């Protein structure tokens, strides 16, 4: 199962490291990453593989929400099936 993690907020040191650490903690494989700074705003999109995660889907989503609060950024996880459903309409 694939998912997309998005991170948006004021640029600060260590964002990529912190998000990557949570992925490692949950045994989530990062397959692709793109990031940029847009007028002092950090924007990152990660394509990840959830197939080997060691946590329930709700726990994964909650952990990334907690990370967002810790970093004072918006961190969201959207599973691929949501994108697939949007394109079937």
C-alpha atoms as a PDB file:
ATOM      1  CA  UNK A   1       0.000   0.000   0.000  1.00  0.00           C
ATOM      2  CA  UNK A   2       1.407   3.352  -1.075  1.00  0.00           C
ATOM      3  CA  UNK A   3       0.749   6.716   0.529  1.00  0.00           C
ATOM      4  CA  UNK A   4       1.760  10.346   0.198  1.00  0.00           C
ATOM      5  CA  UNK A   5       3.129  12.346   3.118  1.00  0.00           C
ATOM      6  CA  UNK A   6       3.020  16.127   2.752  1.00  0.00           C
ATOM      7  CA  UNK A   7       4.852  18.568   5.001  1.00  0.00           C
ATOM      8  CA  UNK A   8       4.202  22.311   4.870  1.00  0.00           C
ATOM      9  CA  UNK A   9       5.359  25.069   7.200  1.00  0.00           C
ATOM     10  CA  UNK A  10       8.065  27.551   8.073  1.00  0.00           C
ATOM     11  CA  UNK A  11      11.470  26.296   7.026  1.00  0.00           C
ATOM     12  CA  UNK A  12      13.584  25.005   9.894  1.00  0.00           C
ATOM     13  CA  UNK A  13      16.582  22.739  10.391  1.00  0.00           C
ATOM     14  CA  UNK A  14      15.974  18.988  10.526  1.00  0.00           C
ATOM     15  CA  UNK A  15      12.542  18.613   8.946  1.00  0.00           C
ATOM     16  CA  UNK A  16      13.563  15.862   6.536  1.00  0.00           C
ATOM     17  CA  UNK A  17      15.475  14.047   9.292  1.00  0.00           C
ATOM     18  CA  UNK A  18      12.503  14.124  11.685  1.00  0.00           C
ATOM     19  CA  UNK A  19      10.002  12.877   9.112  1.00  0.00           C
ATOM     20  CA  UNK A  20      12.447  10.179   7.993  1.00  0.00           C
ATOM     21  CA  UNK A  21      12.981   9.125  11.615  1.00  0.00           C
ATOM     22  CA  UNK A  22       9.243   8.604  12.099  1.00  0.00           C
ATOM     23  CA  UNK A  23       9.123   6.576   8.883  1.00  0.00           C
ATOM     24  CA  UNK A  24      11.955   4.392  10.208  1.00  0.00           C
ATOM     25  CA  UNK A  25      10.245   4.086  13.599  1.00  0.00           C
ATOM     26  CA  UNK A  26       7.082   2.793  11.879  1.00  0.00           C
ATOM     27  CA  UNK A  27       8.967   0.670   9.305  1.00  0.00           C
ATOM     28  CA  UNK A  28       7.698   2.785   6.408  1.00  0.00           C
ATOM     29  CA  UNK A  29       9.843   2.763   3.278  1.00  0.00           C
ATOM     30  CA  UNK A  30      10.434   6.128   1.574  1.00  0.00           C
ATOM     31  CA  UNK A  31      10.339   5.616  -2.200  1.00  0.00           C
ATOM     32  CA  UNK A  32      10.564   9.167  -3.511  1.00  0.00           C
ATOM     33  CA  UNK A  33      10.929  12.698  -2.125  1.00  0.00           C
ATOM     34  CA  UNK A  34      10.570  16.171  -3.530  1.00  0.00           C
ATOM     35  CA  UNK A  35      11.019  19.346  -1.546  1.00  0.00           C
ATOM     36  CA  UNK A  36      11.353  23.052  -2.069  1.00  0.00           C
ATOM     37  CA  UNK A  37      11.393  26.341  -0.225  1.00  0.00           C
ATOM     38  CA  UNK A  38       8.747  28.785  -1.400  1.00  0.00           C
ATOM     39  CA  UNK A  39       9.227  32.242   0.132  1.00  0.00           C
ATOM     40  CA  UNK A  40      10.396  30.860   3.510  1.00  0.00           C
ATOM     41  CA  UNK A  41       7.814  28.054   3.453  1.00  0.00           C
ATOM     42  CA  UNK A  42       9.131  24.489   3.403  1.00  0.00           C
ATOM     43  CA  UNK A  43       7.132  22.116   1.178  1.00  0.00           C
ATOM     44  CA  UNK A  44       7.855  18.390   0.921  1.00  0.00           C
ATOM     45  CA  UNK A  45       6.051  15.478  -0.680  1.00  0.00           C
ATOM     46  CA  UNK A  46       7.105  11.897   0.035  1.00  0.00           C
ATOM     47  CA  UNK A  47       5.849   8.780  -1.700  1.00  0.00           C
ATOM     48  CA  UNK A  48       6.018   5.948   0.832  1.00  0.00           C
ATOM     49  CA  UNK A  49       5.266   2.235   1.012  1.00  0.00           C
ATOM     50  CA  UNK A  50       3.157   1.223   4.027  1.00  0.00           C
ATOM     51  CA  UNK A  51       3.109  -2.514   3.274  1.00  0.00           C
ATOM     52  CA  UNK A  52       5.611  -3.403   6.009  1.00  0.00           C
ATOM     53  CA  UNK A  53       4.596  -0.916   8.672  1.00  0.00           C
ATOM     54  CA  UNK A  54       4.427  -2.243  12.205  1.00  0.00           C
ATOM     55  CA  UNK A  55       1.474  -0.044  13.231  1.00  0.00           C
ATOM     56  CA  UNK A  56      -2.254   0.169  12.531  1.00  0.00           C
ATOM     57  CA  UNK A  57      -3.375   2.771   9.946  1.00  0.00           C
ATOM     58  CA  UNK A  58      -4.931   5.028  12.607  1.00  0.00           C
ATOM     59  CA  UNK A  59      -1.751   4.889  14.690  1.00  0.00           C
ATOM     60  CA  UNK A  60       0.350   5.853  11.658  1.00  0.00           C
ATOM     61  CA  UNK A  61      -1.864   8.832  10.868  1.00  0.00           C
ATOM     62  CA  UNK A  62      -1.886   9.906  14.527  1.00  0.00           C
ATOM     63  CA  UNK A  63       1.910   9.680  14.764  1.00  0.00           C
ATOM     64  CA  UNK A  64       2.360  11.989  11.768  1.00  0.00           C
ATOM     65  CA  UNK A  65      -0.215  14.429  13.192  1.00  0.00           C
ATOM     66  CA  UNK A  66       1.768  14.454  16.457  1.00  0.00           C
ATOM     67  CA  UNK A  67       4.967  15.093  14.516  1.00  0.00           C
ATOM     68  CA  UNK A  68       3.323  18.041  12.796  1.00  0.00           C
ATOM     69  CA  UNK A  69       2.353  19.509  16.164  1.00  0.00           C
ATOM     70  CA  UNK A  70       5.881  19.000  17.513  1.00  0.00           C
ATOM     71  CA  UNK A  71       7.404  20.760  14.495  1.00  0.00           C
ATOM     72  CA  UNK A  72       4.621  23.387  14.244  1.00  0.00           C
ATOM     73  CA  UNK A  73       4.007  22.298  10.659  1.00  0.00           C
ATOM     74  CA  UNK A  74       1.206  20.612   8.749  1.00  0.00           C
ATOM     75  CA  UNK A  75       2.045  16.941   8.201  1.00  0.00           C
ATOM     76  CA  UNK A  76      -0.546  14.769   6.459  1.00  0.00           C
ATOM     77  CA  UNK A  77      -0.614  11.182   5.268  1.00  0.00           C
ATOM     78  CA  UNK A  78      -2.979  10.208   2.445  1.00  0.00           C
ATOM     79  CA  UNK A  79      -3.235   6.617   1.290  1.00  0.00           C
ATOM     80  CA  UNK A  80      -3.053   5.860  -2.419  1.00  0.00           C
ATOM     81  CA  UNK A  81      -6.556   4.425  -2.475  1.00  0.00           C
ATOM     82  CA  UNK A  82      -7.917   7.921  -1.762  1.00  0.00           C
ATOM     83  CA  UNK A  83      -6.190   9.273  -4.878  1.00  0.00           C
ATOM     84  CA  UNK A  84      -7.380   6.257  -6.874  1.00  0.00           C
ATOM     85  CA  UNK A  85     -10.985   6.842  -5.782  1.00  0.00           C
ATOM     86  CA  UNK A  86     -10.789  10.524  -6.759  1.00  0.00           C
ATOM     87  CA  UNK A  87      -9.730   9.609 -10.302  1.00  0.00           C
ATOM     88  CA  UNK A  88     -12.592   7.122 -10.760  1.00  0.00           C
ATOM     89  CA  UNK A  89     -15.228   9.825 -10.379  1.00  0.00           C
END
